[in-house]
Amino acid sequence: MFTRALPLLAAATILVTTVPASATQSADWPGWQKDLAGSRHNAAEWKINQHNVRGLKVKWAFTYEPSANPSVRSQPAVVGDTIYFGGPDGKFRARDARTGAEKWTFTLPAGLTNSDGPTVARGKVYFGTVGGYLFALDQRTGRQVWQRRIDDNNASIVTSSPIVHDGRVYVGVSSGENTLPRDHPCCTFRGHLDAIDADTGVQAWRYYTVPEPKEVGTWPNGVKRYEPSGAGVWSSPVIDPREDILYVGTGQNYTGVGGDFDSLLALDTRTGRPKWRNQVTKADTWRTACNEPDPDGYCPGLKDGTNLDYDIGATPNLFTAGGRKLVGVGQKSGVYHVFDARTGEVLWRRQLGVPLPSGGISGIQWGSSYDGKRLYIATYYAEPGKLFAVDPLTGKVFWETPAPEDGCTTGGAAGKPGCARAHGVPVSSTPGVVFLGGVDGKFRAYSAHTGKILWTHDTVQDVVGVDGRTGRGGSIAGTGGGAVISRGMVYLQSGYFPDYGSPHPHVLLAYGL
C-alpha cells in the first residue's frame, strides 16, 4: 500500500510550530530551497490564494535560443523586481520579473550550460554548470566576480543548487560517469560537498562522501575497474543557522560498496566534520549498464540485488515539532524519512511510492514543501505518481491525489510516446495552495486543505516569447525545478525529456492573475 507507515522508532509530542521566521519575512524566492530550512513555501504570498488561483494566466514567456541539448535545467530565483535564470543555450539572464524585459545577459564559456538553480545573496548570483564549475556574478550588472572549477572529473555536474550562509557558499557535486560507455574506465568520481568563500571563491573545506577509488582489476572487456566510487550529491543542502549544521543527502555507489552512499549527512558548517550520518540503504551499487543488454559482469549489484539506484536526491526539510528539531527527506525508493536533527535518530518512515529497483524512478526525486502544518510530498513514476499531504509528526497521510488519468489523453502530450502519470519536480506551496508540474506537461495548483485540483495549464503548446521567438513546453521534470512564487506571480520552466516532438525551443513561463 502506498500509505503504509513503517514502524515508528520513537514517540513525539504532538505540537507543530510554524516555519522559521526567515521563511516568512520575505516575498523573495532567492534560491532552490526558498530559505535555509528548505521549506519551498512562500508564506508572504497573499495575492494568489485558493479562491482566485483559477484565474492564473501566462503573462509573459521567455523562449530559449535553439541548442543541441534543449532540456531546461535551472529553476529561477526571484529577488525584488528581478528574475534570474539559466538555460540550455549557454546563457544566464536577469529579467524584469513582471514583464520579462531584459536587464542583463551573461554568456558562459563555450561548452558550459547552467545545470542547477541559482541563489542570490550578498549582492551576487551563484550557480553551477556541467563540467563542475561554480560561478558568482554581480547581481546588478551580471559581471563575473569569480569562477571556480570544483570538480575536474570528465562527467562531473553541479546539480546541487548552492546555499549561502555566514559568508560561505555550500554546494554539492554529482556526476554522470556511471552513464558513460563500457569502454570508459569506471569509476573514479567521488561525491563531495564544498564550502567556498562567497566573496573570493576560495575553498574553505571539502567533505568527500567516499574514499579515494583504487584500481581493483578490470571489467570483462579489459577496461580498468576502480572502487568504491560515486555517492554524488545531487540535491541542495539546508542549514540550521543557530546550530551551524548543514544537512544534505547522497546518491548510490557506482562501483564497490563504501562511504556515505544513500545517506543523510549532518555536517558542521564551520569545519565540514560530520555530526552524524544515517545510511538508509545497506548496499546500493548501480550504473546504467545494469539496464543495458547483457549486464552481467558490468552491473556490480546484479547478483545480490543491490543494483537499486535509491539515491537521496531530494533536498531535506527542516522543521520543529514537539520541542524537537526534525529533518525530513525523501528517497528514490519512495520512502520519506524523518530524523531527530540533533542525533540522527529515526522518528518515522513512510512508504509513499512503489519501490522499483534498478532505476530508482518510482520514488521521491527532488524535494518536498513544508508550510508549517503539513508536508507536501510528490512521487515520480509510482503507478501512478501522487501528491500527498502528510503529518510531519507521525507520517499520517491527510490526503493523496494521483496524477490525473487524462493527463496523457488531452493537450499537447496526448498520445505521445513517453507521457506518464508522474511527477519529476519538487513541490512548492503558498498559504492554501500547492503547485506541482507533471511529466504530462501539465502545471497544476491543488488545494492545500483537500488535495483537490483547482487549476491546470497545459504547457505543451506554442507561445511567443518576449523576444519574438516561438517556444513550446514539454515534460515538467528533472533539474528544471519546481514552481517559484513571488509577489503575485508564478514562474516555471517547461521542457525536459520527453519533449513530445516539439519543433520549437523550450520556455520559461510567468503566470499572474
Protein backbone atom coordinates (compact mmCIF):
# COMPACT_ATOMS: atom_id res chain seq x y z
CA MET A 1 0.00 0.00 0.00
CA PHE A 2 1.33 3.46 -0.81
CA THR A 3 0.32 4.84 2.58
CA ARG A 4 1.64 2.06 4.78
CA ALA A 5 3.73 3.56 7.58
CA LEU A 6 6.95 1.85 8.55
CA PRO A 7 7.30 1.21 12.31
CA LEU A 8 7.76 4.29 14.47
CA LEU A 9 11.10 4.21 16.23
CA ALA A 10 10.39 6.94 18.76
CA ALA A 11 7.45 8.88 20.12
CA ALA A 12 6.97 12.63 19.81
CA THR A 13 4.72 15.17 21.49
CA ILE A 14 2.04 16.42 19.12
CA LEU A 15 2.96 20.06 18.67
CA VAL A 16 3.97 21.62 15.37
CA THR A 17 5.44 25.08 15.10
CA THR A 18 5.28 27.37 12.12
CA VAL A 19 8.07 27.72 9.60
CA PRO A 20 11.15 29.67 10.74
CA ALA A 21 10.89 33.46 10.78
CA SER A 22 13.41 33.63 7.93
CA ALA A 23 10.91 31.80 5.74
CA THR A 24 8.05 34.18 6.47
CA GLN A 25 9.60 37.63 6.30
CA SER A 26 10.38 37.92 2.60
CA ALA A 27 8.33 37.66 -0.56
CA ASP A 28 11.54 36.82 -2.44
CA TRP A 29 12.37 33.32 -3.62
CA PRO A 30 16.18 33.70 -3.70
CA GLY A 31 17.21 30.06 -4.22
CA TRP A 32 16.10 26.50 -4.83
CA GLN A 33 15.10 25.87 -1.21
CA LYS A 34 13.34 29.28 -0.78
CA ASP A 35 15.04 29.57 2.65
CA LEU A 36 17.74 27.96 4.76
CA ALA A 37 15.22 25.44 6.13
CA GLY A 38 14.28 24.16 2.67
CA SER A 39 10.57 24.89 3.10
CA ARG A 40 9.82 25.64 -0.58
CA HIS A 41 6.92 27.64 0.89
CA ASN A 42 6.30 31.36 0.41
CA ALA A 43 4.31 32.39 3.48
CA ALA A 44 4.44 36.03 2.33
CA GLU A 45 2.35 35.36 -0.80
CA TRP A 46 -1.10 36.91 -0.32
CA LYS A 47 -2.18 37.88 -3.84
CA ILE A 48 -2.68 34.32 -5.10
CA ASN A 49 -4.87 32.07 -2.96
CA GLN A 50 -7.15 29.05 -3.21
CA HIS A 51 -10.09 31.26 -4.13
CA ASN A 52 -8.57 33.07 -7.12
CA VAL A 53 -5.85 30.68 -8.36
CA ARG A 54 -8.20 29.60 -11.16
CA GLY A 55 -7.57 32.98 -12.72
CA LEU A 56 -3.86 32.43 -13.38
CA LYS A 57 -2.81 33.13 -16.98
CA VAL A 58 0.51 33.34 -18.80
CA LYS A 59 1.60 36.99 -18.54
CA TRP A 60 4.85 36.58 -20.42
CA ALA A 61 7.17 33.83 -21.62
CA PHE A 62 10.83 33.54 -22.47
CA THR A 63 11.87 31.27 -25.32
CA TYR A 64 15.43 29.94 -25.32
CA GLU A 65 17.72 30.09 -28.31
CA PRO A 66 17.99 26.77 -30.18
CA SER A 67 20.62 24.47 -28.67
CA ALA A 68 21.97 20.95 -29.02
CA ASN A 69 20.51 19.88 -25.66
CA PRO A 70 17.23 21.76 -25.27
CA SER A 71 16.22 20.48 -21.82
CA VAL A 72 15.85 23.28 -19.27
CA ARG A 73 17.77 22.64 -16.06
CA SER A 74 17.65 25.83 -13.98
CA GLN A 75 14.87 26.72 -11.56
CA PRO A 76 14.71 30.53 -11.45
CA ALA A 77 15.31 32.76 -8.44
CA VAL A 78 13.31 35.94 -7.82
CA VAL A 79 14.58 38.83 -5.70
CA GLY A 80 12.79 42.16 -5.70
CA ASP A 81 11.70 43.02 -9.23
CA THR A 82 14.18 40.71 -10.95
CA ILE A 83 14.13 37.06 -12.03
CA TYR A 84 17.44 35.21 -12.52
CA PHE A 85 17.69 32.01 -14.55
CA GLY A 86 19.95 29.93 -16.76
CA GLY A 87 19.11 27.95 -19.85
CA PRO A 88 20.25 25.22 -22.21
CA ASP A 89 21.71 27.80 -24.63
CA GLY A 90 24.79 28.61 -22.52
CA LYS A 91 23.50 31.93 -21.22
CA PHE A 92 22.44 33.19 -17.82
CA ARG A 93 19.91 36.02 -17.61
CA ALA A 94 18.40 38.65 -15.35
CA ARG A 95 15.00 39.98 -16.46
CA ASP A 96 12.20 42.09 -15.12
CA ALA A 97 10.03 39.75 -13.09
CA ARG A 98 6.77 41.48 -14.09
CA THR A 99 7.38 41.99 -17.81
CA GLY A 100 10.27 39.78 -18.90
CA ALA A 101 12.25 42.79 -20.16
CA GLU A 102 16.00 42.19 -20.32
CA LYS A 103 18.24 43.56 -17.60
CA TRP A 104 21.47 41.72 -18.41
CA THR A 105 22.72 38.53 -20.05
CA PHE A 106 25.91 36.63 -19.21
CA THR A 107 27.38 34.22 -21.76
CA LEU A 108 29.11 31.22 -20.24
CA PRO A 109 32.39 29.87 -21.62
CA ALA A 110 31.98 27.59 -24.61
CA GLY A 111 30.67 24.14 -23.77
CA LEU A 112 29.17 25.07 -20.42
CA THR A 113 25.49 25.28 -19.52
CA ASN A 114 23.79 26.11 -16.24
CA SER A 115 22.76 22.87 -14.51
CA ASP A 116 21.20 23.97 -11.22
CA GLY A 117 19.02 26.70 -9.77
CA PRO A 118 20.79 29.96 -8.90
CA THR A 119 20.97 31.51 -5.45
CA VAL A 120 21.00 35.28 -4.96
CA ALA A 121 22.79 36.60 -1.85
CA ARG A 122 25.39 39.18 -0.79
CA GLY A 123 24.87 41.16 -4.00
CA LYS A 124 25.83 38.17 -6.13
CA VAL A 125 24.21 35.37 -8.11
CA TYR A 126 25.72 31.92 -7.59
CA PHE A 127 25.13 28.92 -9.88
CA GLY A 128 26.79 25.73 -11.10
CA THR A 129 27.33 24.18 -14.52
CA VAL A 130 28.09 20.96 -16.30
CA GLY A 131 31.78 20.19 -16.01
CA GLY A 132 31.88 21.02 -12.31
CA TYR A 133 32.13 24.84 -12.40
CA LEU A 134 30.69 27.32 -9.92
CA PHE A 135 30.13 30.96 -10.90
CA ALA A 136 29.50 34.16 -8.98
CA LEU A 137 28.09 37.13 -10.92
CA ASP A 138 27.38 40.67 -9.81
CA GLN A 139 23.66 40.75 -9.06
CA ARG A 140 23.17 44.23 -10.54
CA THR A 141 25.33 44.08 -13.68
CA GLY A 142 25.91 40.41 -14.49
CA ARG A 143 29.66 40.93 -14.45
CA GLN A 144 31.62 37.84 -13.44
CA VAL A 145 33.05 38.20 -9.93
CA TRP A 146 34.72 34.79 -9.84
CA GLN A 147 34.53 31.28 -11.20
CA ARG A 148 35.94 28.09 -9.77
CA ARG A 149 36.09 24.55 -11.09
CA ILE A 150 35.13 22.50 -8.06
CA ASP A 151 35.49 19.10 -9.75
CA ASP A 152 37.59 18.06 -12.74
CA ASN A 153 36.07 14.62 -13.34
CA ASN A 154 35.16 14.46 -17.01
CA ALA A 155 31.48 13.80 -16.22
CA SER A 156 31.01 16.00 -13.15
CA ILE A 157 27.98 18.25 -12.92
CA VAL A 158 26.68 20.69 -10.34
CA THR A 159 23.01 19.80 -9.93
CA SER A 160 23.09 20.81 -6.27
CA SER A 161 21.88 24.40 -6.10
CA PRO A 162 24.10 26.46 -3.83
CA ILE A 163 23.01 27.80 -0.45
CA VAL A 164 24.69 30.80 1.20
CA HIS A 165 25.22 31.23 4.93
CA ASP A 166 27.59 33.32 7.02
CA GLY A 167 29.87 34.32 4.16
CA ARG A 168 30.15 30.89 2.56
CA VAL A 169 28.57 29.11 -0.38
CA TYR A 170 27.74 25.44 0.22
CA VAL A 171 27.25 23.22 -2.81
CA GLY A 172 27.50 19.55 -3.74
CA VAL A 173 28.80 17.84 -6.86
CA SER A 174 27.34 14.88 -8.74
CA SER A 175 28.42 13.08 -11.88
CA GLY A 176 27.21 11.14 -14.88
CA GLU A 177 30.34 8.98 -15.01
CA ASN A 178 28.28 5.86 -14.35
CA THR A 179 26.33 6.52 -17.55
CA LEU A 180 29.39 6.54 -19.82
CA PRO A 181 30.04 3.68 -22.30
CA ARG A 182 31.63 0.44 -21.12
CA ASP A 183 34.99 1.35 -22.66
CA HIS A 184 35.35 4.11 -20.06
CA PRO A 185 37.46 3.14 -17.00
CA CYS A 186 34.80 3.07 -14.30
CA CYS A 187 34.64 4.74 -11.96
CA THR A 188 36.82 7.36 -10.29
CA PHE A 189 34.28 10.02 -9.29
CA ARG A 190 33.89 10.88 -5.59
CA GLY A 191 30.85 12.82 -4.47
CA HIS A 192 31.58 15.81 -2.27
CA LEU A 193 30.13 18.85 -0.54
CA ASP A 194 32.20 22.05 -0.63
CA ALA A 195 32.25 25.20 1.48
CA ILE A 196 33.51 28.14 -0.56
CA ASP A 197 34.17 31.75 0.40
CA ALA A 198 31.24 33.70 -1.04
CA ASP A 199 33.33 36.74 -1.95
CA THR A 200 36.53 35.16 -3.30
CA GLY A 201 35.65 31.65 -4.46
CA VAL A 202 38.39 30.15 -2.28
CA GLN A 203 37.58 26.71 -0.87
CA ALA A 204 37.21 26.61 2.92
CA TRP A 205 36.68 22.86 3.25
CA ARG A 206 35.54 19.78 1.36
CA TYR A 207 33.77 16.65 2.58
CA TYR A 208 34.13 13.57 0.38
CA THR A 209 31.34 11.01 0.51
CA VAL A 210 33.52 8.04 -0.49
CA PRO A 211 37.17 7.06 -0.02
CA GLU A 212 39.53 7.56 -2.92
CA PRO A 213 38.79 4.84 -5.53
CA LYS A 214 41.52 2.26 -6.08
CA GLU A 215 42.23 0.13 -9.15
CA VAL A 216 40.92 -3.36 -8.37
CA GLY A 217 41.19 -5.13 -11.72
CA THR A 218 39.33 -4.95 -14.99
CA TRP A 219 35.83 -5.26 -16.39
CA PRO A 220 35.04 -8.19 -18.71
CA ASN A 221 36.18 -6.12 -21.72
CA GLY A 222 39.60 -5.49 -20.17
CA VAL A 223 38.93 -1.85 -19.20
CA LYS A 224 40.30 -0.80 -15.81
CA ARG A 225 37.95 -1.01 -12.84
CA TYR A 226 38.07 1.23 -9.77
CA GLU A 227 36.13 1.15 -6.50
CA PRO A 228 34.47 2.37 -4.39
CA SER A 229 33.10 5.36 -6.26
CA GLY A 230 30.03 7.53 -6.65
CA ALA A 231 27.74 8.78 -3.85
CA GLY A 232 27.20 12.05 -5.68
CA VAL A 233 25.50 14.99 -4.01
CA TRP A 234 22.60 15.70 -6.37
CA SER A 235 20.46 17.85 -4.14
CA SER A 236 20.76 21.15 -2.34
CA PRO A 237 21.68 21.35 1.34
CA VAL A 238 19.69 23.01 4.11
CA ILE A 239 21.16 24.74 7.14
CA ASP A 240 20.27 25.27 10.78
CA PRO A 241 21.91 28.68 11.37
CA ARG A 242 21.62 28.51 15.16
CA GLU A 243 23.44 25.21 15.43
CA ASP A 244 25.66 25.75 12.37
CA ILE A 245 24.71 22.35 10.99
CA LEU A 246 24.22 21.54 7.31
CA TYR A 247 22.06 18.63 6.13
CA VAL A 248 22.39 17.01 2.71
CA GLY A 249 21.60 13.70 1.01
CA THR A 250 23.82 11.47 -1.13
CA GLY A 251 23.43 9.04 -4.02
CA GLN A 252 24.35 5.42 -4.68
CA ASN A 253 27.76 3.86 -5.26
CA TYR A 254 28.81 3.47 -8.89
CA THR A 255 31.26 0.68 -8.05
CA GLY A 256 32.13 -1.14 -4.85
CA VAL A 257 30.40 -0.66 -1.54
CA GLY A 258 31.69 2.04 0.75
CA GLY A 259 31.43 5.56 2.05
CA ASP A 260 28.33 7.60 2.78
CA PHE A 261 26.12 6.34 -0.05
CA ASP A 262 22.32 6.70 0.25
CA SER A 263 22.82 8.75 3.40
CA LEU A 264 21.61 11.88 5.09
CA LEU A 265 24.61 13.77 6.42
CA ALA A 266 24.73 16.35 9.19
CA LEU A 267 27.93 18.40 8.83
CA ASP A 268 29.41 21.24 10.88
CA THR A 269 29.21 24.31 8.63
CA ARG A 270 32.43 25.72 10.07
CA THR A 271 34.66 22.68 9.64
CA GLY A 272 32.85 20.13 7.46
CA ARG A 273 33.17 17.48 10.16
CA PRO A 274 30.20 15.13 10.45
CA LYS A 275 27.87 15.49 13.43
CA TRP A 276 26.07 12.31 12.40
CA ARG A 277 25.28 10.13 9.40
CA ASN A 278 22.25 7.97 8.74
CA GLN A 279 22.59 5.46 5.90
CA VAL A 280 19.13 4.37 4.79
CA THR A 281 20.17 1.58 2.37
CA LYS A 282 22.59 -1.22 3.32
CA ALA A 283 24.04 -1.63 -0.18
CA ASP A 284 23.28 0.14 -3.45
CA THR A 285 25.69 -0.15 -6.38
CA TRP A 286 24.31 0.88 -9.75
CA ARG A 287 25.36 2.15 -13.17
CA THR A 288 23.35 2.38 -16.38
CA ALA A 289 24.99 -0.83 -17.60
CA CYS A 290 22.56 -2.54 -15.20
CA ASN A 291 19.73 -1.69 -17.59
CA GLU A 292 21.59 -2.45 -20.82
CA PRO A 293 21.58 -5.75 -22.71
CA ASP A 294 23.93 -8.39 -21.24
CA PRO A 295 24.61 -6.51 -17.96
CA ASP A 296 26.28 -9.50 -16.29
CA GLY A 297 29.79 -8.56 -15.29
CA TYR A 298 29.18 -4.84 -15.79
CA CYS A 299 26.49 -4.35 -13.14
CA PRO A 300 28.18 -4.79 -9.74
CA GLY A 301 24.95 -5.21 -7.79
CA LEU A 302 23.16 -7.54 -10.22
CA LYS A 303 23.87 -10.85 -8.50
CA ASP A 304 22.98 -9.78 -4.96
CA GLY A 305 20.10 -7.47 -5.88
CA THR A 306 21.74 -4.25 -4.74
CA ASN A 307 21.50 -2.57 -8.16
CA LEU A 308 18.86 -0.22 -6.75
CA ASP A 309 19.71 3.42 -7.60
CA TYR A 310 17.99 4.58 -4.40
CA ASP A 311 19.61 7.98 -4.02
CA ILE A 312 18.60 10.59 -1.55
CA GLY A 313 18.38 13.10 -4.37
CA ALA A 314 15.82 15.37 -2.70
CA THR A 315 16.51 18.49 -0.69
CA PRO A 316 15.67 17.98 3.03
CA ASN A 317 13.06 19.89 5.04
CA LEU A 318 13.96 21.33 8.47
CA PHE A 319 11.14 21.91 10.96
CA THR A 320 10.36 21.84 14.67
CA ALA A 321 7.79 19.58 16.35
CA GLY A 322 7.16 18.71 19.98
CA GLY A 323 10.05 20.90 21.04
CA ARG A 324 12.48 18.89 18.88
CA LYS A 325 14.24 19.94 15.71
CA LEU A 326 13.49 17.47 12.94
CA VAL A 327 14.84 16.94 9.46
CA GLY A 328 12.91 15.03 6.82
CA VAL A 329 13.90 13.88 3.35
CA GLY A 330 12.53 11.77 0.53
CA GLN A 331 14.34 8.86 -1.12
CA LYS A 332 14.07 7.43 -4.62
CA SER A 333 12.81 4.21 -3.06
CA GLY A 334 9.57 6.08 -2.35
CA VAL A 335 10.19 6.39 1.40
CA TYR A 336 10.04 9.69 3.28
CA HIS A 337 12.27 9.65 6.39
CA VAL A 338 12.12 11.93 9.44
CA PHE A 339 15.12 12.15 11.81
CA ASP A 340 15.95 13.97 15.01
CA ALA A 341 18.05 16.82 13.65
CA ARG A 342 20.50 16.74 16.56
CA THR A 343 21.13 13.00 16.81
CA GLY A 344 20.09 11.39 13.51
CA GLU A 345 17.66 9.07 15.30
CA VAL A 346 14.80 7.96 13.05
CA LEU A 347 11.37 9.11 14.26
CA TRP A 348 9.25 7.65 11.46
CA ARG A 349 9.32 6.46 7.89
CA ARG A 350 6.51 6.11 5.39
CA GLN A 351 6.42 4.30 2.06
CA LEU A 352 4.69 6.61 -0.43
CA GLY A 353 5.84 5.16 -3.75
CA VAL A 354 6.17 1.61 -5.05
CA PRO A 355 9.89 0.76 -4.99
CA LEU A 356 11.21 -0.23 -8.41
CA PRO A 357 14.85 -1.41 -8.37
CA SER A 358 17.48 -0.67 -11.00
CA GLY A 359 16.34 2.78 -11.94
CA GLY A 360 15.06 4.49 -8.85
CA ILE A 361 12.34 6.37 -10.72
CA SER A 362 9.38 5.37 -8.59
CA GLY A 363 10.08 7.45 -5.55
CA ILE A 364 10.66 10.99 -4.33
CA GLN A 365 13.02 12.86 -6.59
CA TRP A 366 13.87 16.49 -5.90
CA GLY A 367 12.13 17.86 -2.84
CA SER A 368 9.05 18.49 -0.77
CA SER A 369 7.34 21.53 0.72
CA TYR A 370 6.50 22.36 4.33
CA ASP A 371 4.00 25.10 5.21
CA GLY A 372 4.27 25.00 8.99
CA LYS A 373 1.49 22.43 9.34
CA ARG A 374 1.89 19.81 6.64
CA LEU A 375 4.50 18.25 4.42
CA TYR A 376 3.61 18.10 0.72
CA ILE A 377 5.42 15.23 -0.99
CA ALA A 378 5.19 14.03 -4.60
CA THR A 379 6.19 10.70 -6.14
CA TYR A 380 7.57 10.19 -9.65
CA TYR A 381 6.75 7.05 -11.70
CA ALA A 382 4.87 5.33 -8.88
CA GLU A 383 1.97 3.63 -10.69
CA PRO A 384 0.77 6.41 -10.72
CA GLY A 385 2.70 9.32 -9.23
CA LYS A 386 0.78 11.06 -6.47
CA LEU A 387 0.83 14.23 -4.39
CA PHE A 388 0.49 13.67 -0.64
CA ALA A 389 -0.22 15.88 2.37
CA VAL A 390 1.45 14.29 5.38
CA ASP A 391 1.52 14.95 9.14
CA PRO A 392 5.12 15.95 9.95
CA LEU A 393 4.97 14.23 13.36
CA THR A 394 3.54 10.85 12.51
CA GLY A 395 3.63 10.35 8.77
CA LYS A 396 -0.15 10.09 8.69
CA VAL A 397 -1.48 10.88 5.20
CA PHE A 398 -4.16 13.58 5.31
CA TRP A 399 -4.92 13.28 1.60
CA GLU A 400 -3.42 11.90 -1.58
CA THR A 401 -4.17 12.95 -5.16
CA PRO A 402 -2.97 10.82 -8.08
CA ALA A 403 -1.79 12.41 -11.30
CA PRO A 404 -5.00 12.68 -13.40
CA GLU A 405 -5.83 9.87 -15.80
CA ASP A 406 -6.49 12.33 -18.64
CA GLY A 407 -3.01 13.88 -18.48
CA CYS A 408 -1.79 11.82 -21.42
CA THR A 409 -5.04 11.81 -23.39
CA THR A 410 -5.57 15.57 -23.54
CA GLY A 411 -3.42 18.53 -24.50
CA GLY A 412 -0.09 18.60 -26.25
CA ALA A 413 1.17 15.31 -24.79
CA ALA A 414 -1.91 13.36 -25.84
CA GLY A 415 -0.93 10.07 -27.45
CA LYS A 416 2.78 10.94 -27.45
CA PRO A 417 5.43 8.33 -26.51
CA GLY A 418 6.89 8.79 -23.06
CA CYS A 419 3.90 10.50 -21.49
CA ALA A 420 3.19 9.22 -17.98
CA ARG A 421 1.27 9.96 -14.81
CA ALA A 422 4.35 11.05 -12.92
CA HIS A 423 5.88 13.99 -11.04
CA GLY A 424 9.58 14.62 -11.57
CA VAL A 425 9.96 18.04 -9.93
CA PRO A 426 9.87 19.36 -6.36
CA VAL A 427 6.67 20.60 -4.73
CA SER A 428 6.13 24.30 -3.94
CA SER A 429 3.45 25.94 -1.83
CA THR A 430 1.88 29.18 -0.63
CA PRO A 431 -0.83 29.60 2.02
CA GLY A 432 -3.69 27.33 0.94
CA VAL A 433 -2.20 26.32 -2.45
CA VAL A 434 0.25 23.62 -3.57
CA PHE A 435 1.91 23.84 -7.00
CA LEU A 436 3.25 20.85 -8.94
CA GLY A 437 4.10 20.07 -12.57
CA GLY A 438 3.81 16.71 -14.30
CA VAL A 439 5.62 14.64 -16.89
CA ASP A 440 2.46 15.10 -18.99
CA GLY A 441 3.40 18.78 -19.36
CA LYS A 442 0.50 19.96 -17.19
CA PHE A 443 1.09 22.52 -14.45
CA ARG A 444 -1.41 22.24 -11.61
CA ALA A 445 -2.49 24.04 -8.44
CA TYR A 446 -4.02 21.97 -5.62
CA SER A 447 -5.96 22.87 -2.51
CA ALA A 448 -3.62 22.50 0.47
CA HIS A 449 -6.63 21.51 2.57
CA THR A 450 -8.21 18.80 0.42
CA GLY A 451 -5.83 17.95 -2.43
CA LYS A 452 -8.44 18.94 -5.00
CA ILE A 453 -7.02 20.23 -8.29
CA LEU A 454 -8.01 23.89 -8.53
CA TRP A 455 -6.30 24.90 -11.79
CA THR A 456 -4.45 23.28 -14.70
CA HIS A 457 -2.40 24.74 -17.53
CA ASP A 458 -1.04 22.70 -20.43
CA THR A 459 2.49 23.90 -21.16
CA VAL A 460 2.84 21.73 -24.29
CA GLN A 461 1.59 24.39 -26.69
CA ASP A 462 3.10 27.19 -28.72
CA VAL A 463 3.77 30.51 -27.05
CA VAL A 464 5.56 33.61 -28.34
CA GLY A 465 8.30 34.82 -26.03
CA VAL A 466 9.15 38.39 -25.14
CA ASP A 467 11.97 38.33 -27.72
CA GLY A 468 9.61 37.26 -30.50
CA ARG A 469 10.67 33.61 -30.76
CA THR A 470 8.05 30.88 -30.71
CA GLY A 471 8.57 28.31 -27.98
CA ARG A 472 6.80 25.30 -26.58
CA GLY A 473 6.95 23.48 -23.25
CA GLY A 474 7.35 19.78 -22.72
CA SER A 475 7.66 17.44 -19.79
CA ILE A 476 7.92 19.25 -16.46
CA ALA A 477 10.63 17.15 -14.85
CA GLY A 478 14.29 16.90 -14.00
CA THR A 479 16.52 19.70 -12.77
CA GLY A 480 14.36 22.38 -14.42
CA GLY A 481 12.92 22.67 -10.94
CA GLY A 482 9.54 23.39 -9.45
CA ALA A 483 7.32 26.44 -9.28
CA VAL A 484 8.65 29.70 -7.87
CA ILE A 485 6.01 32.02 -6.41
CA SER A 486 6.70 35.66 -5.58
CA ARG A 487 4.61 38.83 -5.36
CA GLY A 488 1.55 37.56 -7.17
CA MET A 489 3.50 35.81 -9.95
CA VAL A 490 4.31 32.13 -10.53
CA TYR A 491 7.32 31.06 -12.61
CA LEU A 492 8.00 27.65 -14.15
CA GLN A 493 10.50 26.11 -16.56
CA SER A 494 8.95 23.67 -19.05
CA GLY A 495 10.80 21.39 -21.39
CA TYR A 496 12.59 18.29 -20.20
CA PHE A 497 12.65 14.75 -21.59
CA PRO A 498 10.34 13.80 -23.23
CA ASP A 499 9.67 16.99 -25.16
CA TYR A 500 6.87 15.41 -27.24
CA GLY A 501 8.44 16.25 -30.56
CA SER A 502 8.49 19.99 -30.03
CA PRO A 503 9.53 21.89 -33.17
CA HIS A 504 10.44 24.89 -31.01
CA PRO A 505 12.84 25.62 -28.14
CA HIS A 506 11.60 25.29 -24.58
CA VAL A 507 10.32 28.05 -22.34
CA LEU A 508 10.18 29.85 -19.03
CA LEU A 509 6.57 30.75 -18.24
CA ALA A 510 5.44 33.60 -15.98
CA TYR A 511 1.88 33.44 -14.66
CA GLY A 512 -0.23 36.08 -12.95
CA LEU A 513 -3.85 36.93 -12.19
